[in-house]
């Protein structure tokens, strides 16, 4: 059960401009706005979560009411996908631009040295987390990675879950970065909303990018909203069917029908 049904946000969500796309309230913002918002409200965001939304998660939300409630239940859902931004701008949100999970994570890490922010890494494998921690500490000298945990590839018991949350909270993090992939990471954050100390952000493949397991698209491709194509080339077997399925539905429902 999602904690968002009873959770009271400490930050007024009305201050966040949103564009409703297929039932999901996508934040009509850019990276500068998001970083300023984070800096201003980081203490109040403890216990809350933020979704990083793309075409895949938005179509999944459109087809699954429970997951749509999860997407809308956090403080906001930021526009990771280029098509979301294109549609938002077409609907009048001219300042809306792509804010990806990996880019947000790197921007926050970059300023964390000055701010003294503390970070917990949840997700992926133990090997990836170890590589990630080493690379982050080398790239951002003085960064505070206060804990990390690779959950088992099975459902955890209630007792195990309590122990994990206690472990996270004991480290007193400002951010809890969740790299489980969608929709698992969003569901995990929603269930633990209000119980986890720190601002939870679901960042998908960001751990693999920053650990060096997979390469991220060149900047010129990112700026032209072609990162999806670069990922497709790297993993065509897994992504071709997903992209064909979700992109076709997105074009029909969101762009043609105007949902």
Protein backbone atom coordinates (compact mmCIF):
# COMPACT_ATOMS: atom_id res chain seq x y z
CA UNK A 1 0.00 0.00 0.00
CA UNK A 2 1.33 3.43 -0.91
CA UNK A 3 2.08 5.74 1.96
CA UNK A 4 1.01 8.63 -0.30
CA UNK A 5 -2.63 7.95 0.60
CA UNK A 6 -2.03 9.31 4.10
CA UNK A 7 1.21 11.25 3.72
CA UNK A 8 1.14 15.03 4.12
CA UNK A 9 3.77 16.83 2.06
CA UNK A 10 5.84 19.35 4.00
CA UNK A 11 6.27 21.42 0.83
CA UNK A 12 3.21 22.91 -0.88
CA UNK A 13 2.88 21.08 -4.22
CA UNK A 14 0.94 24.03 -5.64
CA UNK A 15 4.20 25.96 -6.08
CA UNK A 16 5.31 23.39 -8.67
CA UNK A 17 4.05 24.07 -12.22
CA UNK A 18 2.74 20.87 -13.80
CA UNK A 19 1.45 19.65 -17.15
CA UNK A 20 -0.94 16.71 -17.01
CA UNK A 21 0.05 14.10 -19.58
CA UNK A 22 -1.99 10.90 -19.69
CA UNK A 23 -3.02 11.45 -16.08
CA UNK A 24 0.48 12.09 -14.74
CA UNK A 25 1.27 15.57 -13.40
CA UNK A 26 4.65 16.13 -15.03
CA UNK A 27 6.62 19.02 -13.52
CA UNK A 28 6.91 21.80 -16.13
CA UNK A 29 10.38 22.87 -15.01
CA UNK A 30 14.03 22.97 -16.02
CA UNK A 31 17.20 21.87 -14.21
CA UNK A 32 17.98 25.33 -12.81
CA UNK A 33 14.52 25.53 -11.22
CA UNK A 34 14.82 22.01 -9.83
CA UNK A 35 18.23 22.60 -8.25
CA UNK A 36 17.06 25.84 -6.63
CA UNK A 37 13.94 24.09 -5.33
CA UNK A 38 16.02 21.24 -3.92
CA UNK A 39 18.45 23.57 -2.20
CA UNK A 40 15.65 25.61 -0.64
CA UNK A 41 13.54 22.69 0.62
CA UNK A 42 15.93 19.78 1.16
CA UNK A 43 15.14 19.50 4.89
CA UNK A 44 11.38 19.56 4.28
CA UNK A 45 11.75 16.95 1.51
CA UNK A 46 13.03 14.34 3.96
CA UNK A 47 10.66 11.38 3.84
CA UNK A 48 9.21 12.39 0.47
CA UNK A 49 10.10 11.11 -3.00
CA UNK A 50 10.48 12.26 -6.58
CA UNK A 51 9.82 10.28 -9.75
CA UNK A 52 11.91 10.61 -12.88
CA UNK A 53 9.36 10.14 -15.64
CA UNK A 54 9.60 9.17 -19.30
CA UNK A 55 7.35 7.75 -22.01
CA UNK A 56 7.59 4.23 -20.55
CA UNK A 57 6.52 5.23 -17.03
CA UNK A 58 3.81 7.55 -18.35
CA UNK A 59 2.23 4.88 -20.56
CA UNK A 60 2.49 2.40 -17.67
CA UNK A 61 0.68 4.95 -15.49
CA UNK A 62 -2.01 5.44 -18.13
CA UNK A 63 -2.68 1.70 -18.14
CA UNK A 64 -2.33 1.14 -14.39
CA UNK A 65 -4.25 3.39 -11.98
CA UNK A 66 -2.23 2.27 -8.95
CA UNK A 67 1.06 3.15 -10.60
CA UNK A 68 -0.40 6.47 -11.76
CA UNK A 69 -1.21 7.24 -8.11
CA UNK A 70 2.38 6.41 -7.22
CA UNK A 71 3.72 8.75 -9.93
CA UNK A 72 1.48 11.54 -8.64
CA UNK A 73 1.98 10.71 -4.97
CA UNK A 74 5.49 12.07 -4.58
CA UNK A 75 6.47 15.73 -4.42
CA UNK A 76 6.76 15.74 -8.23
CA UNK A 77 7.49 13.75 -11.37
CA UNK A 78 10.22 15.39 -13.43
CA UNK A 79 10.38 15.17 -17.26
CA UNK A 80 13.21 12.80 -18.12
CA UNK A 81 11.81 11.96 -21.55
CA UNK A 82 12.14 14.29 -24.53
CA UNK A 83 8.60 13.57 -25.83
CA UNK A 84 7.15 14.74 -22.51
CA UNK A 85 8.99 18.03 -22.85
CA UNK A 86 7.95 18.41 -26.50
CA UNK A 87 4.32 17.88 -25.56
CA UNK A 88 4.55 20.17 -22.52
CA UNK A 89 5.99 22.99 -24.62
CA UNK A 90 3.29 22.46 -27.24
CA UNK A 91 0.73 22.87 -24.46
CA UNK A 92 2.17 26.22 -23.42
CA UNK A 93 4.90 25.39 -20.88
CA UNK A 94 7.72 27.09 -22.78
CA UNK A 95 10.24 26.92 -19.90
CA UNK A 96 9.88 23.14 -19.57
CA UNK A 97 13.05 21.24 -20.45
CA UNK A 98 14.42 17.75 -20.01
CA UNK A 99 15.66 16.97 -16.49
CA UNK A 100 17.15 13.49 -16.45
CA UNK A 101 17.81 11.37 -13.37
CA UNK A 102 21.55 10.88 -14.07
CA UNK A 103 22.06 14.60 -14.76
CA UNK A 104 20.19 15.61 -11.60
CA UNK A 105 22.24 13.14 -9.55
CA UNK A 106 25.50 14.52 -10.92
CA UNK A 107 24.44 18.14 -10.38
CA UNK A 108 23.50 17.39 -6.76
CA UNK A 109 26.75 15.52 -6.14
CA UNK A 110 28.71 18.43 -7.58
CA UNK A 111 27.27 20.94 -5.10
CA UNK A 112 27.09 18.52 -2.17
CA UNK A 113 30.66 19.21 -1.14
CA UNK A 114 29.78 22.83 -0.37
CA UNK A 115 26.35 22.02 1.07
CA UNK A 116 27.54 19.11 3.21
CA UNK A 117 24.76 16.86 1.90
CA UNK A 118 24.89 13.16 2.73
CA UNK A 119 23.99 10.36 0.32
CA UNK A 120 22.70 6.80 0.58
CA UNK A 121 22.70 4.46 -2.44
CA UNK A 122 19.94 1.84 -2.64
CA UNK A 123 19.71 -0.65 -5.48
CA UNK A 124 21.76 -2.43 -8.16
CA UNK A 125 24.38 -5.07 -7.27
CA UNK A 126 27.08 -5.02 -4.59
CA UNK A 127 29.75 -4.95 -7.29
CA UNK A 128 28.21 -1.95 -9.04
CA UNK A 129 27.71 -0.08 -5.76
CA UNK A 130 31.36 -0.63 -4.82
CA UNK A 131 32.56 0.64 -8.22
CA UNK A 132 30.15 3.56 -8.03
CA UNK A 133 31.30 4.62 -4.56
CA UNK A 134 34.95 4.50 -5.62
CA UNK A 135 34.33 6.54 -8.77
CA UNK A 136 32.21 9.15 -6.97
CA UNK A 137 34.77 9.61 -4.19
CA UNK A 138 37.47 10.08 -6.81
CA UNK A 139 35.43 12.49 -8.96
CA UNK A 140 33.96 14.45 -6.03
CA UNK A 141 36.64 14.56 -3.30
CA UNK A 142 34.98 14.92 0.09
CA UNK A 143 31.62 13.55 -1.04
CA UNK A 144 29.73 11.85 1.81
CA UNK A 145 28.46 8.45 0.70
CA UNK A 146 27.19 7.39 4.12
CA UNK A 147 25.74 4.01 3.17
CA UNK A 148 24.65 1.69 0.41
CA UNK A 149 22.58 -1.46 0.07
CA UNK A 150 21.95 -3.95 -2.72
CA UNK A 151 18.57 -5.58 -2.09
CA UNK A 152 18.13 -9.30 -2.85
CA UNK A 153 16.46 -10.43 -6.07
CA UNK A 154 13.38 -11.59 -4.17
CA UNK A 155 10.70 -10.10 -1.99
CA UNK A 156 12.07 -9.08 1.40
CA UNK A 157 10.30 -10.05 4.59
CA UNK A 158 8.65 -7.43 6.79
CA UNK A 159 11.40 -7.88 9.35
CA UNK A 160 14.14 -7.48 6.75
CA UNK A 161 12.47 -4.35 5.43
CA UNK A 162 12.34 -2.80 8.91
CA UNK A 163 16.05 -3.55 9.37
CA UNK A 164 16.93 -1.96 6.02
CA UNK A 165 14.96 1.22 6.78
CA UNK A 166 16.53 1.43 10.24
CA UNK A 167 19.95 1.08 8.63
CA UNK A 168 19.22 3.87 6.14
CA UNK A 169 17.85 6.22 8.79
CA UNK A 170 20.80 5.55 11.10
CA UNK A 171 23.13 7.07 8.50
CA UNK A 172 21.14 10.35 8.53
CA UNK A 173 21.16 10.94 4.75
CA UNK A 174 19.88 13.99 2.94
CA UNK A 175 19.32 11.97 -0.25
CA UNK A 176 18.41 8.33 -0.78
CA UNK A 177 19.13 7.47 -4.42
CA UNK A 178 17.06 4.49 -5.55
CA UNK A 179 18.29 2.55 -8.57
CA UNK A 180 15.85 -0.34 -9.01
CA UNK A 181 14.41 0.52 -12.41
CA UNK A 182 10.79 1.40 -13.17
CA UNK A 183 8.22 0.62 -11.89
CA UNK A 184 9.93 -1.14 -8.98
CA UNK A 185 11.79 1.92 -7.68
CA UNK A 186 8.72 4.16 -7.68
CA UNK A 187 6.63 1.54 -5.89
CA UNK A 188 9.39 1.10 -3.29
CA UNK A 189 9.58 4.84 -2.63
CA UNK A 190 5.80 5.18 -2.35
CA UNK A 191 5.55 2.33 0.16
CA UNK A 192 8.30 3.90 2.29
CA UNK A 193 7.13 7.50 1.99
CA UNK A 194 7.18 9.07 5.45
CA UNK A 195 9.27 6.23 6.93
CA UNK A 196 12.62 6.79 5.23
CA UNK A 197 14.75 9.71 6.34
CA UNK A 198 16.11 11.61 3.38
CA UNK A 199 14.75 12.70 0.00
CA UNK A 200 14.17 9.60 -2.14
CA UNK A 201 14.85 9.92 -5.87
CA UNK A 202 14.39 7.05 -8.34
CA UNK A 203 17.25 7.30 -10.83
CA UNK A 204 16.96 4.08 -12.85
CA UNK A 205 20.15 3.30 -14.77
CA UNK A 206 22.15 6.20 -13.27
CA UNK A 207 24.15 3.85 -11.03
CA UNK A 208 25.29 1.85 -14.07
CA UNK A 209 26.16 5.03 -15.98
CA UNK A 210 28.24 6.55 -13.21
CA UNK A 211 29.87 3.23 -12.28
CA UNK A 212 30.99 2.85 -15.89
CA UNK A 213 28.99 -0.32 -16.58
CA UNK A 214 27.23 1.28 -19.55
CA UNK A 215 28.01 4.40 -21.53
CA UNK A 216 25.69 7.35 -21.61
CA UNK A 217 24.86 9.03 -24.91
CA UNK A 218 27.14 11.88 -26.06
CA UNK A 219 26.02 15.36 -25.01
CA UNK A 220 24.96 16.28 -28.55
CA UNK A 221 22.56 13.33 -28.60
CA UNK A 222 21.21 14.19 -25.15
CA UNK A 223 20.51 17.77 -26.27
CA UNK A 224 18.65 16.53 -29.34
CA UNK A 225 16.49 14.11 -27.33
CA UNK A 226 18.19 11.13 -29.00
CA UNK A 227 19.44 9.40 -25.86
CA UNK A 228 16.74 6.74 -26.27
CA UNK A 229 18.26 5.81 -29.65
CA UNK A 230 21.73 5.46 -28.14
CA UNK A 231 20.33 3.16 -25.44
CA UNK A 232 18.48 1.15 -28.07
CA UNK A 233 21.73 0.53 -29.98
CA UNK A 234 23.38 -0.68 -26.75
CA UNK A 235 20.54 -3.01 -25.75
CA UNK A 236 18.28 -3.66 -28.77
CA UNK A 237 17.00 -7.05 -27.62
CA UNK A 238 15.50 -5.66 -24.42
CA UNK A 239 14.50 -2.18 -25.52
CA UNK A 240 13.16 -2.51 -29.07
CA UNK A 241 9.86 -4.10 -28.04
CA UNK A 242 9.41 -1.68 -25.14
CA UNK A 243 10.11 1.41 -27.25
CA UNK A 244 7.84 0.23 -30.08
CA UNK A 245 5.03 -0.58 -27.64
CA UNK A 246 5.21 2.55 -25.48
CA UNK A 247 6.15 5.10 -28.16
CA UNK A 248 3.32 4.01 -30.44
CA UNK A 249 0.79 4.29 -27.62
CA UNK A 250 2.22 7.64 -26.52
CA UNK A 251 1.90 9.12 -30.01
CA UNK A 252 -1.69 7.88 -30.31
CA UNK A 253 -3.00 8.76 -26.85
CA UNK A 254 -0.98 11.86 -25.94
CA UNK A 255 -0.17 13.54 -29.24
CA UNK A 256 -3.12 12.60 -31.45
CA UNK A 257 -5.93 12.20 -28.89
CA UNK A 258 -4.54 14.95 -26.64
CA UNK A 259 -4.78 13.01 -23.38
